[in-house]
């Protein structure tokens, strides 16, 4: 992984659109202008990293360090890199960081994204709350 720069914002948005577009469409509908506004705000506020595999950009990871947890805001891996251990490697780094800080890891997933729910469940995340669209999950410290 490498720290994202301003030049990576376009790539990060494309990864979001490719990996999450259909899920977002199912829940709210995809409004391109609104999604770009959300992305710009999040890209500026969160610690984005670009996931690199064999020299190629393969996805993004966005974290927030909060006083009571390490929050995974986005872990998005392009389809051609999914199922190859890329997401697992990213999460292992997140867990190492959280363990050093003695913090739980928290995240939320769209309910319609069953693949993501299953992925995080395999790492010991459990549902702690939900709303109409999301399941909030936590992995204890």
Protein backbone atom coordinates (compact mmCIF):
# COMPACT_ATOMS: atom_id res chain seq x y z
CA UNK A 1 0.00 0.00 0.00
CA UNK A 2 1.02 3.56 -0.52
CA UNK A 3 -0.41 6.85 0.70
CA UNK A 4 -2.80 8.32 -1.83
CA UNK A 5 -2.03 11.70 -3.32
CA UNK A 6 -4.35 14.23 -4.93
CA UNK A 7 -3.56 12.59 -8.27
CA UNK A 8 -5.13 9.34 -6.98
CA UNK A 9 -8.55 10.86 -6.36
CA UNK A 10 -9.83 10.04 -9.86
CA UNK A 11 -8.65 6.43 -9.54
CA UNK A 12 -10.29 6.12 -6.11
CA UNK A 13 -13.60 7.39 -7.49
CA UNK A 14 -13.46 4.94 -10.39
CA UNK A 15 -12.81 2.06 -7.98
CA UNK A 16 -15.82 3.14 -5.93
CA UNK A 17 -18.02 3.38 -9.01
CA UNK A 18 -16.86 0.00 -10.31
CA UNK A 19 -17.15 -1.89 -7.04
CA UNK A 20 -20.02 -0.12 -5.28
CA UNK A 21 -22.04 1.41 -8.10
CA UNK A 22 -24.58 -1.39 -8.38
CA UNK A 23 -25.06 -1.59 -4.60
CA UNK A 24 -25.58 2.17 -4.34
CA UNK A 25 -28.02 2.04 -7.27
CA UNK A 26 -30.05 -0.64 -5.51
CA UNK A 27 -30.32 1.38 -2.29
CA UNK A 28 -30.56 5.03 -3.36
CA UNK A 29 -29.97 5.20 -7.09
CA UNK A 30 -26.66 6.47 -8.50
CA UNK A 31 -26.52 10.24 -8.81
CA UNK A 32 -23.16 10.92 -10.45
CA UNK A 33 -22.87 14.53 -9.26
CA UNK A 34 -23.78 13.63 -5.67
CA UNK A 35 -21.37 10.67 -5.65
CA UNK A 36 -18.55 12.88 -6.90
CA UNK A 37 -19.31 15.48 -4.17
CA UNK A 38 -19.30 12.76 -1.50
CA UNK A 39 -16.06 11.35 -2.85
CA UNK A 40 -14.28 14.72 -2.88
CA UNK A 41 -15.32 15.39 0.73
CA UNK A 42 -14.28 11.92 1.92
CA UNK A 43 -11.03 11.88 -0.03
CA UNK A 44 -10.01 15.14 1.64
CA UNK A 45 -11.01 14.03 5.16
CA UNK A 46 -9.91 10.40 5.36
CA UNK A 47 -6.55 8.66 5.22
CA UNK A 48 -6.71 7.05 1.76
CA UNK A 49 -4.18 4.50 0.62
CA UNK A 50 -3.83 2.93 -2.79
CA UNK A 51 -3.59 -0.85 -2.78
CA UNK A 52 -0.84 -1.93 -5.18
CA UNK A 53 -0.40 -5.44 -6.60
CA UNK A 54 2.63 -6.22 -8.76
CA UNK A 55 3.05 -2.51 -9.48
CA UNK A 56 -0.57 -1.97 -10.53
CA UNK A 57 -3.19 0.02 -8.64
CA UNK A 58 -5.69 -2.61 -7.46
CA UNK A 59 -7.92 -0.77 -5.01
CA UNK A 60 -8.21 1.70 -2.16
CA UNK A 61 -8.35 1.62 1.61
CA UNK A 62 -9.63 4.60 3.59
CA UNK A 63 -9.25 4.74 7.36
CA UNK A 64 -10.14 7.13 10.15
CA UNK A 65 -8.30 7.10 13.45
CA UNK A 66 -10.77 7.93 16.19
CA UNK A 67 -10.17 8.04 19.96
CA UNK A 68 -12.19 4.87 20.58
CA UNK A 69 -11.63 2.86 17.37
CA UNK A 70 -9.93 2.43 14.04
CA UNK A 71 -12.62 2.90 11.40
CA UNK A 72 -12.46 1.28 7.98
CA UNK A 73 -14.38 3.71 5.78
CA UNK A 74 -13.67 1.96 2.50
CA UNK A 75 -11.92 -1.17 1.38
CA UNK A 76 -12.53 -1.48 -2.33
CA UNK A 77 -10.67 -3.91 -4.57
CA UNK A 78 -11.12 -3.95 -8.33
CA UNK A 79 -12.91 -7.09 -9.59
CA UNK A 80 -9.85 -8.48 -11.38
CA UNK A 81 -7.97 -8.56 -8.05
CA UNK A 82 -10.79 -9.97 -5.92
CA UNK A 83 -10.49 -13.53 -4.65
CA UNK A 84 -6.68 -13.33 -4.65
CA UNK A 85 -6.07 -12.43 -1.00
CA UNK A 86 -5.73 -8.69 -1.60
CA UNK A 87 -8.55 -7.71 0.75
CA UNK A 88 -7.30 -10.15 3.37
CA UNK A 89 -3.80 -8.65 3.22
CA UNK A 90 -5.27 -5.17 3.66
CA UNK A 91 -7.33 -6.23 6.66
CA UNK A 92 -4.33 -7.93 8.28
CA UNK A 93 -2.49 -4.59 8.16
CA UNK A 94 -5.52 -2.84 9.64
CA UNK A 95 -5.64 -5.39 12.47
CA UNK A 96 -1.92 -4.96 13.20
CA UNK A 97 -2.39 -1.19 13.41
CA UNK A 98 -5.46 -1.54 15.64
CA UNK A 99 -3.64 -4.02 17.91
CA UNK A 100 -0.71 -1.60 18.37
CA UNK A 101 -3.22 1.07 19.40
CA UNK A 102 -5.35 -1.40 21.43
CA UNK A 103 -8.47 -0.33 19.55
CA UNK A 104 -11.43 -2.18 18.08
CA UNK A 105 -12.01 -1.94 14.34
CA UNK A 106 -15.37 -0.62 13.19
CA UNK A 107 -16.99 -0.32 9.79
CA UNK A 108 -20.33 -0.36 8.07
CA UNK A 109 -21.54 -2.19 5.00
CA UNK A 110 -24.60 -1.80 2.85
CA UNK A 111 -27.12 -4.51 3.71
CA UNK A 112 -27.45 -5.39 0.02
CA UNK A 113 -23.71 -6.16 -0.14
CA UNK A 114 -23.84 -9.70 1.23
CA UNK A 115 -20.38 -10.51 -0.09
CA UNK A 116 -18.85 -7.77 2.06
CA UNK A 117 -20.83 -8.83 5.12
CA UNK A 118 -19.54 -12.38 4.72
CA UNK A 119 -15.98 -11.18 4.11
CA UNK A 120 -15.89 -9.18 7.34
CA UNK A 121 -17.68 -11.89 9.28
CA UNK A 122 -14.81 -14.28 8.49
CA UNK A 123 -12.49 -11.89 10.36
CA UNK A 124 -14.58 -11.90 13.52
CA UNK A 125 -16.65 -8.79 12.87
CA UNK A 126 -20.10 -8.89 14.38
CA UNK A 127 -23.13 -6.71 13.77
CA UNK A 128 -23.59 -4.10 16.49
CA UNK A 129 -26.30 -1.91 14.93
CA UNK A 130 -28.17 -1.31 11.71
CA UNK A 131 -30.37 1.20 9.96
CA UNK A 132 -32.43 0.95 6.80
CA UNK A 133 -29.37 0.76 4.54
CA UNK A 134 -26.34 -0.27 6.64
CA UNK A 135 -25.08 -2.86 9.05
CA UNK A 136 -22.52 -1.49 11.51
CA UNK A 137 -19.91 -4.08 12.42
CA UNK A 138 -17.12 -4.26 14.98
CA UNK A 139 -14.13 -6.47 15.67
CA UNK A 140 -13.10 -6.12 19.33
CA UNK A 141 -9.61 -5.00 20.31
